[in-house]
Amino acid sequence: MTSISFTSGELLDIISALEEKEDALYLGEDKHLAAYYMHLAQQFQTIHDKLQEFVPENRVANLVLAVN
């Protein structure tokens, strides 16, 4: 099992970077790849939104990969 932890700020940084990449690709006429980056940003935004439900000292997202 592998886990990765992200703070709220780290998630916002990831979302921002993905949105910048999406914008650049969209302007470069690669709409399919831009949509891919938009979807990734939305997934990280969902995680960030869930973190906001917790008290500030517990706002860390632990993403776990478990393989059977």
N, C-alpha and C. Protein backbone atom coordinates (compact mmCIF):
# COMPACT_ATOMS: atom_id res chain seq x y z
N MET A 1 0.85 -1.17 0.00
CA MET A 1 0.00 0.00 0.00
C MET A 1 0.90 1.24 0.00
N THR A 2 0.54 2.20 -0.78
CA THR A 2 1.27 3.46 -0.89
C THR A 2 0.32 4.60 -0.59
N SER A 3 0.79 5.61 0.14
CA SER A 3 -0.05 6.77 0.40
C SER A 3 0.72 8.05 0.15
N ILE A 4 0.00 9.07 -0.25
CA ILE A 4 0.55 10.40 -0.51
C ILE A 4 -0.33 11.39 0.23
N SER A 5 0.29 12.33 0.93
CA SER A 5 -0.47 13.34 1.66
C SER A 5 -0.33 14.70 0.99
N PHE A 6 -1.45 15.42 0.94
CA PHE A 6 -1.48 16.76 0.38
C PHE A 6 -2.15 17.70 1.37
N THR A 7 -1.55 18.86 1.60
CA THR A 7 -2.21 19.90 2.39
C THR A 7 -3.17 20.65 1.47
N SER A 8 -4.00 21.47 2.06
CA SER A 8 -4.94 22.27 1.28
C SER A 8 -4.19 23.19 0.31
N GLY A 9 -3.12 23.79 0.77
CA GLY A 9 -2.33 24.68 -0.09
C GLY A 9 -1.69 23.94 -1.25
N GLU A 10 -1.19 22.75 -0.99
CA GLU A 10 -0.59 21.95 -2.06
C GLU A 10 -1.63 21.60 -3.12
N LEU A 11 -2.83 21.27 -2.68
CA LEU A 11 -3.89 20.97 -3.64
C LEU A 11 -4.22 22.19 -4.49
N LEU A 12 -4.26 23.37 -3.87
CA LEU A 12 -4.53 24.59 -4.63
C LEU A 12 -3.42 24.85 -5.65
N ASP A 13 -2.17 24.57 -5.29
CA ASP A 13 -1.06 24.73 -6.23
C ASP A 13 -1.19 23.78 -7.41
N ILE A 14 -1.57 22.54 -7.13
CA ILE A 14 -1.76 21.54 -8.19
C ILE A 14 -2.89 21.97 -9.12
N ILE A 15 -4.00 22.41 -8.54
CA ILE A 15 -5.15 22.85 -9.33
C ILE A 15 -4.75 24.01 -10.23
N SER A 16 -4.03 24.96 -9.67
CA SER A 16 -3.60 26.13 -10.45
C SER A 16 -2.70 25.72 -11.62
N ALA A 17 -1.76 24.83 -11.38
CA ALA A 17 -0.86 24.37 -12.44
C ALA A 17 -1.63 23.63 -13.54
N LEU A 18 -2.59 22.80 -13.14
CA LEU A 18 -3.39 22.07 -14.12
C LEU A 18 -4.25 23.03 -14.95
N GLU A 19 -4.80 24.06 -14.31
CA GLU A 19 -5.62 25.03 -15.02
C GLU A 19 -4.78 25.84 -16.01
N GLU A 20 -3.56 26.19 -15.62
CA GLU A 20 -2.67 26.91 -16.54
C GLU A 20 -2.35 26.04 -17.76
N LYS A 21 -2.08 24.77 -17.53
CA LYS A 21 -1.79 23.85 -18.63
C LYS A 21 -3.01 23.71 -19.54
N GLU A 22 -4.18 23.60 -18.91
CA GLU A 22 -5.42 23.49 -19.69
C GLU A 22 -5.61 24.72 -20.57
N ASP A 23 -5.43 25.90 -20.00
CA ASP A 23 -5.60 27.14 -20.77
C ASP A 23 -4.64 27.19 -21.96
N ALA A 24 -3.38 26.85 -21.71
CA ALA A 24 -2.38 26.88 -22.78
C ALA A 24 -2.74 25.90 -23.90
N LEU A 25 -3.19 24.72 -23.52
CA LEU A 25 -3.56 23.73 -24.53
C LEU A 25 -4.81 24.15 -25.30
N TYR A 26 -5.75 24.75 -24.61
CA TYR A 26 -6.98 25.20 -25.27
C TYR A 26 -6.66 26.29 -26.29
N LEU A 27 -5.80 27.22 -25.89
CA LEU A 27 -5.39 28.28 -26.82
C LEU A 27 -4.56 27.73 -27.97
N GLY A 28 -3.86 26.63 -27.73
CA GLY A 28 -3.07 25.98 -28.77
C GLY A 28 -3.88 25.03 -29.62
N GLU A 29 -5.20 25.06 -29.46
CA GLU A 29 -6.13 24.27 -30.28
C GLU A 29 -6.09 22.77 -30.01
N ASP A 30 -5.55 22.36 -28.86
CA ASP A 30 -5.59 20.94 -28.50
C ASP A 30 -6.68 20.74 -27.45
N LYS A 31 -7.91 20.80 -27.92
CA LYS A 31 -9.05 20.79 -27.02
C LYS A 31 -9.24 19.47 -26.28
N HIS A 32 -8.87 18.36 -26.88
CA HIS A 32 -9.01 17.07 -26.21
C HIS A 32 -8.07 16.97 -25.01
N LEU A 33 -6.83 17.37 -25.21
CA LEU A 33 -5.87 17.32 -24.10
C LEU A 33 -6.21 18.38 -23.06
N ALA A 34 -6.74 19.53 -23.49
CA ALA A 34 -7.18 20.56 -22.55
C ALA A 34 -8.30 20.02 -21.67
N ALA A 35 -9.21 19.27 -22.25
CA ALA A 35 -10.31 18.67 -21.49
C ALA A 35 -9.78 17.67 -20.47
N TYR A 36 -8.75 16.94 -20.84
CA TYR A 36 -8.11 15.99 -19.92
C TYR A 36 -7.57 16.72 -18.68
N TYR A 37 -6.86 17.83 -18.90
CA TYR A 37 -6.30 18.59 -17.79
C TYR A 37 -7.41 19.25 -16.97
N MET A 38 -8.49 19.66 -17.62
CA MET A 38 -9.62 20.22 -16.89
C MET A 38 -10.22 19.18 -15.96
N HIS A 39 -10.36 17.95 -16.46
CA HIS A 39 -10.91 16.87 -15.65
C HIS A 39 -10.02 16.57 -14.44
N LEU A 40 -8.70 16.56 -14.66
CA LEU A 40 -7.78 16.35 -13.54
C LEU A 40 -7.92 17.45 -12.50
N ALA A 41 -8.00 18.70 -12.96
CA ALA A 41 -8.16 19.83 -12.03
C ALA A 41 -9.46 19.69 -11.24
N GLN A 42 -10.51 19.25 -11.89
CA GLN A 42 -11.80 19.07 -11.21
C GLN A 42 -11.71 18.00 -10.13
N GLN A 43 -10.96 16.93 -10.40
CA GLN A 43 -10.81 15.87 -9.40
C GLN A 43 -10.06 16.39 -8.17
N PHE A 44 -8.99 17.15 -8.39
CA PHE A 44 -8.27 17.72 -7.26
C PHE A 44 -9.11 18.76 -6.54
N GLN A 45 -9.96 19.49 -7.28
CA GLN A 45 -10.86 20.46 -6.65
C GLN A 45 -11.86 19.76 -5.75
N THR A 46 -12.35 18.60 -6.18
CA THR A 46 -13.27 17.83 -5.35
C THR A 46 -12.60 17.41 -4.05
N ILE A 47 -11.36 16.98 -4.13
CA ILE A 47 -10.61 16.60 -2.92
C ILE A 47 -10.45 17.83 -2.02
N HIS A 48 -10.08 18.96 -2.61
CA HIS A 48 -9.92 20.20 -1.84
C HIS A 48 -11.23 20.60 -1.16
N ASP A 49 -12.32 20.51 -1.89
CA ASP A 49 -13.62 20.86 -1.31
C ASP A 49 -13.95 19.98 -0.12
N LYS A 50 -13.63 18.69 -0.21
CA LYS A 50 -13.87 17.77 0.91
C LYS A 50 -13.03 18.17 2.12
N LEU A 51 -11.80 18.62 1.88
CA LEU A 51 -10.93 19.02 3.00
C LEU A 51 -11.51 20.20 3.77
N GLN A 52 -12.24 21.06 3.09
CA GLN A 52 -12.80 22.23 3.75
C GLN A 52 -13.86 21.87 4.79
N GLU A 53 -14.34 20.63 4.75
CA GLU A 53 -15.33 20.17 5.72
C GLU A 53 -14.69 19.83 7.07
N PHE A 54 -13.36 19.71 7.10
CA PHE A 54 -12.66 19.35 8.33
C PHE A 54 -12.16 20.59 9.05
N VAL A 55 -11.88 20.42 10.34
CA VAL A 55 -11.29 21.53 11.11
C VAL A 55 -9.89 21.79 10.58
N PRO A 56 -9.42 23.04 10.62
CA PRO A 56 -8.14 23.40 9.98
C PRO A 56 -6.96 22.51 10.34
N GLU A 57 -6.82 22.09 11.57
CA GLU A 57 -5.66 21.28 11.92
C GLU A 57 -5.70 19.86 11.35
N ASN A 58 -6.82 19.45 10.81
CA ASN A 58 -6.95 18.12 10.20
C ASN A 58 -7.09 18.17 8.68
N ARG A 59 -6.74 19.29 8.07
CA ARG A 59 -6.92 19.44 6.61
C ARG A 59 -5.73 18.90 5.84
N VAL A 60 -5.64 17.59 5.81
CA VAL A 60 -4.62 16.91 5.02
C VAL A 60 -5.32 15.77 4.31
N ALA A 61 -5.14 15.71 2.98
CA ALA A 61 -5.73 14.63 2.19
C ALA A 61 -4.70 13.51 2.08
N ASN A 62 -5.08 12.33 2.48
CA ASN A 62 -4.23 11.15 2.34
C ASN A 62 -4.79 10.29 1.24
N LEU A 63 -4.11 10.28 0.10
CA LEU A 63 -4.53 9.46 -1.02
C LEU A 63 -3.80 8.12 -0.92
N VAL A 64 -4.55 7.05 -0.97
CA VAL A 64 -3.98 5.71 -0.77
C VAL A 64 -4.21 4.85 -2.00
N LEU A 65 -3.14 4.17 -2.41
CA LEU A 65 -3.22 3.22 -3.50
C LEU A 65 -3.06 1.83 -2.89
N ALA A 66 -4.09 1.04 -3.01
CA ALA A 66 -4.04 -0.32 -2.48
C ALA A 66 -4.20 -1.28 -3.65
N VAL A 67 -3.30 -2.24 -3.73
CA VAL A 67 -3.31 -3.21 -4.82
C VAL A 67 -3.64 -4.58 -4.24
N ASN A 68 -4.56 -5.28 -4.89
CA ASN A 68 -4.91 -6.64 -4.44
C ASN A 68 -4.05 -7.65 -5.14
